[in-house]
């Protein structure tokens, strides 16, 4: 099934089903300093495991691992690097609405609740445990789908520059290739 890369989706594994999702990201930036420019490279590997407790309730855990490198101006040699685990996100998802109105057509709404917890083992981890709440809507129709989610993170860090976070995403996907007319799906 198609689903967005960077947001939640209201699809779940079947009871006792497991989904493992591995995601890699690479970003590169340049920062100007009085002694020249510094190239900054960051690599992220995030592993997500989703377990279907029931047909409408799941638990998911996402564990990110970062590697960051700064290059010295002029000679291109690494000046510093850091690596380690980032904050782990543990999320529950409860389906509150489902309408399967066709063979491959469905509309679903899930409520989200979880926590972002510090690993405390690297520069990429915070010093707080932050509750998360939100919701997600997914609508499949034919070869297309639309997903929308909202997520609010209560920041428990006492630092003055750490506000609560509100995130929202909307995505549209279009399936290409042969249309599947099977009722079987790993997502129920």
C-alpha atoms as a PDB file:
ATOM      1  CA  UNK A   1       0.000   0.000   0.000  1.00  0.00           C
ATOM      2  CA  UNK A   2       1.208   3.494  -0.715  1.00  0.00           C
ATOM      3  CA  UNK A   3       1.904   5.735   2.246  1.00  0.00           C
ATOM      4  CA  UNK A   4       3.729   9.019   2.890  1.00  0.00           C
ATOM      5  CA  UNK A   5       7.386   8.987   3.921  1.00  0.00           C
ATOM      6  CA  UNK A   6       7.344  11.627   6.654  1.00  0.00           C
ATOM      7  CA  UNK A   7       3.959  11.444   8.315  1.00  0.00           C
ATOM      8  CA  UNK A   8       1.511   9.053   9.915  1.00  0.00           C
ATOM      9  CA  UNK A   9      -1.058   7.037   8.033  1.00  0.00           C
ATOM     10  CA  UNK A  10      -4.318   5.491   9.289  1.00  0.00           C
ATOM     11  CA  UNK A  11      -3.371   1.981   8.169  1.00  0.00           C
ATOM     12  CA  UNK A  12      -2.417  -0.714  10.639  1.00  0.00           C
ATOM     13  CA  UNK A  13      -1.054  -4.234  10.573  1.00  0.00           C
ATOM     14  CA  UNK A  14      -3.507  -7.029  11.301  1.00  0.00           C
ATOM     15  CA  UNK A  15      -3.735  -8.531  14.792  1.00  0.00           C
ATOM     16  CA  UNK A  16      -0.284  -9.815  15.847  1.00  0.00           C
ATOM     17  CA  UNK A  17       1.162  -8.530  12.548  1.00  0.00           C
ATOM     18  CA  UNK A  18       4.492  -6.720  12.450  1.00  0.00           C
ATOM     19  CA  UNK A  19       5.731  -4.032  10.064  1.00  0.00           C
ATOM     20  CA  UNK A  20       9.396  -3.025  10.037  1.00  0.00           C
ATOM     21  CA  UNK A  21      10.268   0.188   8.219  1.00  0.00           C
ATOM     22  CA  UNK A  22      13.826   1.356   7.667  1.00  0.00           C
ATOM     23  CA  UNK A  23      14.367   4.908   6.483  1.00  0.00           C
ATOM     24  CA  UNK A  24      17.582   6.670   5.494  1.00  0.00           C
ATOM     25  CA  UNK A  25      18.055  10.416   5.038  1.00  0.00           C
ATOM     26  CA  UNK A  26      21.057  12.499   4.059  1.00  0.00           C
ATOM     27  CA  UNK A  27      21.312  16.284   4.322  1.00  0.00           C
ATOM     28  CA  UNK A  28      24.156  18.627   3.505  1.00  0.00           C
ATOM     29  CA  UNK A  29      24.530  22.326   4.260  1.00  0.00           C
ATOM     30  CA  UNK A  30      27.178  25.008   4.092  1.00  0.00           C
ATOM     31  CA  UNK A  31      27.772  27.600   6.794  1.00  0.00           C
ATOM     32  CA  UNK A  32      29.903  30.722   6.344  1.00  0.00           C
ATOM     33  CA  UNK A  33      32.385  31.604   9.098  1.00  0.00           C
ATOM     34  CA  UNK A  34      35.094  34.303   9.350  1.00  0.00           C
ATOM     35  CA  UNK A  35      37.715  31.668   8.426  1.00  0.00           C
ATOM     36  CA  UNK A  36      35.767  30.345   5.425  1.00  0.00           C
ATOM     37  CA  UNK A  37      32.854  28.054   4.819  1.00  0.00           C
ATOM     38  CA  UNK A  38      32.169  24.822   6.671  1.00  0.00           C
ATOM     39  CA  UNK A  39      30.381  21.911   5.037  1.00  0.00           C
ATOM     40  CA  UNK A  40      28.032  20.055   7.350  1.00  0.00           C
ATOM     41  CA  UNK A  41      26.794  16.577   6.446  1.00  0.00           C
ATOM     42  CA  UNK A  42      24.192  14.636   8.422  1.00  0.00           C
ATOM     43  CA  UNK A  43      23.066  11.059   7.900  1.00  0.00           C
ATOM     44  CA  UNK A  44      20.019   9.600   9.666  1.00  0.00           C
ATOM     45  CA  UNK A  45      18.953   5.988   9.874  1.00  0.00           C
ATOM     46  CA  UNK A  46      15.551   5.512  11.514  1.00  0.00           C
ATOM     47  CA  UNK A  47      14.113   2.079  12.306  1.00  0.00           C
ATOM     48  CA  UNK A  48      10.389   1.790  13.032  1.00  0.00           C
ATOM     49  CA  UNK A  49       8.697  -1.383  14.286  1.00  0.00           C
ATOM     50  CA  UNK A  50       4.875  -1.501  14.337  1.00  0.00           C
ATOM     51  CA  UNK A  51       2.984  -4.281  16.150  1.00  0.00           C
ATOM     52  CA  UNK A  52      -0.757  -4.936  15.748  1.00  0.00           C
ATOM     53  CA  UNK A  53      -2.090  -5.624  19.233  1.00  0.00           C
ATOM     54  CA  UNK A  54      -5.617  -5.956  17.810  1.00  0.00           C
ATOM     55  CA  UNK A  55      -7.112  -5.149  14.436  1.00  0.00           C
ATOM     56  CA  UNK A  56      -7.671  -1.553  15.548  1.00  0.00           C
ATOM     57  CA  UNK A  57      -4.879  -0.896  18.086  1.00  0.00           C
ATOM     58  CA  UNK A  58      -1.132  -0.773  17.390  1.00  0.00           C
ATOM     59  CA  UNK A  59       2.092   0.097  19.185  1.00  0.00           C
ATOM     60  CA  UNK A  60       5.053   1.517  17.265  1.00  0.00           C
ATOM     61  CA  UNK A  61       8.609   2.433  18.241  1.00  0.00           C
ATOM     62  CA  UNK A  62      10.993   4.544  16.167  1.00  0.00           C
ATOM     63  CA  UNK A  63      14.703   4.604  17.010  1.00  0.00           C
ATOM     64  CA  UNK A  64      16.867   7.093  15.070  1.00  0.00           C
ATOM     65  CA  UNK A  65      20.652   6.949  14.695  1.00  0.00           C
ATOM     66  CA  UNK A  66      22.566  10.040  13.542  1.00  0.00           C
ATOM     67  CA  UNK A  67      26.009  10.637  12.089  1.00  0.00           C
ATOM     68  CA  UNK A  68      27.103  14.248  11.584  1.00  0.00           C
ATOM     69  CA  UNK A  69      30.372  15.559  10.168  1.00  0.00           C
ATOM     70  CA  UNK A  70      31.783  19.089   9.824  1.00  0.00           C
ATOM     71  CA  UNK A  71      34.471  19.719   7.183  1.00  0.00           C
ATOM     72  CA  UNK A  72      37.252  22.284   7.726  1.00  0.00           C
ATOM     73  CA  UNK A  73      37.383  25.205   5.331  1.00  0.00           C
ATOM     74  CA  UNK A  74      40.078  25.007   2.688  1.00  0.00           C
ATOM     75  CA  UNK A  75      41.483  21.494   3.011  1.00  0.00           C
ATOM     76  CA  UNK A  76      38.251  19.462   3.114  1.00  0.00           C
ATOM     77  CA  UNK A  77      39.414  17.408   6.084  1.00  0.00           C
ATOM     78  CA  UNK A  78      36.898  16.460   8.785  1.00  0.00           C
ATOM     79  CA  UNK A  79      37.141  18.876  11.709  1.00  0.00           C
ATOM     80  CA  UNK A  80      34.652  17.111  13.921  1.00  0.00           C
ATOM     81  CA  UNK A  81      32.026  14.442  13.865  1.00  0.00           C
ATOM     82  CA  UNK A  82      29.367  13.134  16.190  1.00  0.00           C
ATOM     83  CA  UNK A  83      27.177  10.082  16.102  1.00  0.00           C
ATOM     84  CA  UNK A  84      24.640   8.437  18.343  1.00  0.00           C
ATOM     85  CA  UNK A  85      21.024   7.602  19.010  1.00  0.00           C
ATOM     86  CA  UNK A  86      18.383  10.308  18.992  1.00  0.00           C
ATOM     87  CA  UNK A  87      15.159  10.425  20.978  1.00  0.00           C
ATOM     88  CA  UNK A  88      13.046   7.272  20.719  1.00  0.00           C
ATOM     89  CA  UNK A  89       9.368   7.736  19.885  1.00  0.00           C
ATOM     90  CA  UNK A  90       6.864   5.208  21.234  1.00  0.00           C
ATOM     91  CA  UNK A  91       3.413   5.706  19.747  1.00  0.00           C
ATOM     92  CA  UNK A  92       0.039   4.000  20.086  1.00  0.00           C
ATOM     93  CA  UNK A  93      -2.635   4.217  17.422  1.00  0.00           C
ATOM     94  CA  UNK A  94      -6.335   3.453  17.927  1.00  0.00           C
ATOM     95  CA  UNK A  95      -8.729   3.273  14.979  1.00  0.00           C
ATOM     96  CA  UNK A  96     -11.977   5.073  15.760  1.00  0.00           C
ATOM     97  CA  UNK A  97     -13.506   5.111  12.257  1.00  0.00           C
ATOM     98  CA  UNK A  98     -13.341   2.790   9.230  1.00  0.00           C
ATOM     99  CA  UNK A  99     -15.453   2.792   6.075  1.00  0.00           C
ATOM    100  CA  UNK A 100     -14.448   0.326   3.333  1.00  0.00           C
ATOM    101  CA  UNK A 101     -16.612   1.543   0.459  1.00  0.00           C
ATOM    102  CA  UNK A 102     -14.964  -0.423  -2.364  1.00  0.00           C
ATOM    103  CA  UNK A 103     -12.490  -3.203  -3.131  1.00  0.00           C
ATOM    104  CA  UNK A 104      -9.502  -0.845  -2.791  1.00  0.00           C
ATOM    105  CA  UNK A 105     -11.370   2.146  -1.373  1.00  0.00           C
ATOM    106  CA  UNK A 106     -11.396   3.055   2.303  1.00  0.00           C
ATOM    107  CA  UNK A 107     -11.553   5.993   4.673  1.00  0.00           C
ATOM    108  CA  UNK A 108     -10.060   5.688   8.179  1.00  0.00           C
ATOM    109  CA  UNK A 109      -9.409   7.852  11.225  1.00  0.00           C
ATOM    110  CA  UNK A 110      -6.998   6.946  14.040  1.00  0.00           C
ATOM    111  CA  UNK A 111      -6.154   8.661  17.319  1.00  0.00           C
ATOM    112  CA  UNK A 112      -2.483   8.872  18.316  1.00  0.00           C
ATOM    113  CA  UNK A 113      -0.904   8.976  21.774  1.00  0.00           C
ATOM    114  CA  UNK A 114       2.697   8.426  22.706  1.00  0.00           C
ATOM    115  CA  UNK A 115       5.926   9.747  24.123  1.00  0.00           C
ATOM    116  CA  UNK A 116       9.262  11.017  22.806  1.00  0.00           C
ATOM    117  CA  UNK A 117      11.847   9.849  25.308  1.00  0.00           C
ATOM    118  CA  UNK A 118      15.510  10.721  25.617  1.00  0.00           C
ATOM    119  CA  UNK A 119      18.186   8.109  25.216  1.00  0.00           C
ATOM    120  CA  UNK A 120      20.651  10.327  27.065  1.00  0.00           C
ATOM    121  CA  UNK A 121      23.580   8.779  25.231  1.00  0.00           C
ATOM    122  CA  UNK A 122      24.465  11.336  22.558  1.00  0.00           C
ATOM    123  CA  UNK A 123      24.377  14.946  21.432  1.00  0.00           C
ATOM    124  CA  UNK A 124      21.289  14.060  19.375  1.00  0.00           C
ATOM    125  CA  UNK A 125      19.187  13.227  22.422  1.00  0.00           C
ATOM    126  CA  UNK A 126      17.274  15.722  24.537  1.00  0.00           C
ATOM    127  CA  UNK A 127      16.953  15.735  28.312  1.00  0.00           C
ATOM    128  CA  UNK A 128      13.190  15.368  28.456  1.00  0.00           C
ATOM    129  CA  UNK A 129      10.297  12.950  28.092  1.00  0.00           C
ATOM    130  CA  UNK A 130       7.600  14.591  25.989  1.00  0.00           C
ATOM    131  CA  UNK A 131       3.973  13.368  25.689  1.00  0.00           C
ATOM    132  CA  UNK A 132       2.469  13.302  22.171  1.00  0.00           C
ATOM    133  CA  UNK A 133      -1.200  13.394  21.098  1.00  0.00           C
ATOM    134  CA  UNK A 134      -2.824  13.667  17.696  1.00  0.00           C
ATOM    135  CA  UNK A 135      -4.867  12.117  14.965  1.00  0.00           C
ATOM    136  CA  UNK A 136      -4.571  10.885  11.392  1.00  0.00           C
ATOM    137  CA  UNK A 137      -7.004  10.499   8.475  1.00  0.00           C
ATOM    138  CA  UNK A 138      -6.396   8.342   5.395  1.00  0.00           C
ATOM    139  CA  UNK A 139      -8.655   8.116   2.348  1.00  0.00           C
ATOM    140  CA  UNK A 140      -7.906   5.601  -0.461  1.00  0.00           C
ATOM    141  CA  UNK A 141      -9.886   5.876  -3.681  1.00  0.00           C
ATOM    142  CA  UNK A 142      -8.836   3.850  -6.689  1.00  0.00           C
ATOM    143  CA  UNK A 143      -5.140   4.455  -7.359  1.00  0.00           C
ATOM    144  CA  UNK A 144      -4.979   7.614  -5.256  1.00  0.00           C
ATOM    145  CA  UNK A 145      -4.904   8.387  -1.575  1.00  0.00           C
ATOM    146  CA  UNK A 146      -4.867  11.405   0.692  1.00  0.00           C
ATOM    147  CA  UNK A 147      -3.417  11.458   4.216  1.00  0.00           C
ATOM    148  CA  UNK A 148      -3.563  14.194   6.843  1.00  0.00           C
ATOM    149  CA  UNK A 149      -2.268  14.159  10.393  1.00  0.00           C
ATOM    150  CA  UNK A 150      -1.772  16.482  13.326  1.00  0.00           C
ATOM    151  CA  UNK A 151       0.546  15.890  16.268  1.00  0.00           C
ATOM    152  CA  UNK A 152       1.083  18.005  19.376  1.00  0.00           C
ATOM    153  CA  UNK A 153       4.200  17.495  21.507  1.00  0.00           C
ATOM    154  CA  UNK A 154       4.217  18.795  25.087  1.00  0.00           C
ATOM    155  CA  UNK A 155       7.812  19.799  25.813  1.00  0.00           C
ATOM    156  CA  UNK A 156       8.763  18.984  29.398  1.00  0.00           C
ATOM    157  CA  UNK A 157      12.304  20.388  29.070  1.00  0.00           C
ATOM    158  CA  UNK A 158      12.737  23.377  31.373  1.00  0.00           C
ATOM    159  CA  UNK A 159      14.931  25.351  28.966  1.00  0.00           C
ATOM    160  CA  UNK A 160      13.596  28.767  27.896  1.00  0.00           C
ATOM    161  CA  UNK A 161      14.047  28.060  24.176  1.00  0.00           C
ATOM    162  CA  UNK A 162      12.106  24.797  24.100  1.00  0.00           C
ATOM    163  CA  UNK A 163       8.437  25.440  23.243  1.00  0.00           C
ATOM    164  CA  UNK A 164       5.750  22.840  22.684  1.00  0.00           C
ATOM    165  CA  UNK A 165       5.583  21.652  19.074  1.00  0.00           C
ATOM    166  CA  UNK A 166       2.584  21.401  16.781  1.00  0.00           C
ATOM    167  CA  UNK A 167       3.094  19.493  13.533  1.00  0.00           C
ATOM    168  CA  UNK A 168       0.689  18.881  10.705  1.00  0.00           C
ATOM    169  CA  UNK A 169       1.200  17.027   7.440  1.00  0.00           C
ATOM    170  CA  UNK A 170      -0.880  16.441   4.351  1.00  0.00           C
ATOM    171  CA  UNK A 171       0.142  14.185   1.511  1.00  0.00           C
ATOM    172  CA  UNK A 172      -1.257  12.784  -1.688  1.00  0.00           C
ATOM    173  CA  UNK A 173      -0.087   9.566  -3.272  1.00  0.00           C
ATOM    174  CA  UNK A 174      -0.781   8.031  -6.653  1.00  0.00           C
ATOM    175  CA  UNK A 175      -0.225   4.319  -7.254  1.00  0.00           C
ATOM    176  CA  UNK A 176       1.347   3.484 -10.616  1.00  0.00           C
ATOM    177  CA  UNK A 177       1.382   0.140 -12.376  1.00  0.00           C
ATOM    178  CA  UNK A 178      -1.227  -2.567 -12.534  1.00  0.00           C
ATOM    179  CA  UNK A 179      -4.287  -2.001 -10.351  1.00  0.00           C
ATOM    180  CA  UNK A 180      -4.671  -4.584  -7.613  1.00  0.00           C
ATOM    181  CA  UNK A 181      -8.199  -5.955  -7.240  1.00  0.00           C
ATOM    182  CA  UNK A 182      -7.465  -8.315  -4.367  1.00  0.00           C
ATOM    183  CA  UNK A 183      -9.185  -8.003  -1.011  1.00  0.00           C
ATOM    184  CA  UNK A 184      -6.053  -9.406   0.651  1.00  0.00           C
ATOM    185  CA  UNK A 185      -3.896  -6.784   2.251  1.00  0.00           C
ATOM    186  CA  UNK A 186      -1.408  -6.701   5.132  1.00  0.00           C
ATOM    187  CA  UNK A 187      -3.303  -3.598   6.306  1.00  0.00           C
ATOM    188  CA  UNK A 188      -6.676  -4.211   7.965  1.00  0.00           C
END
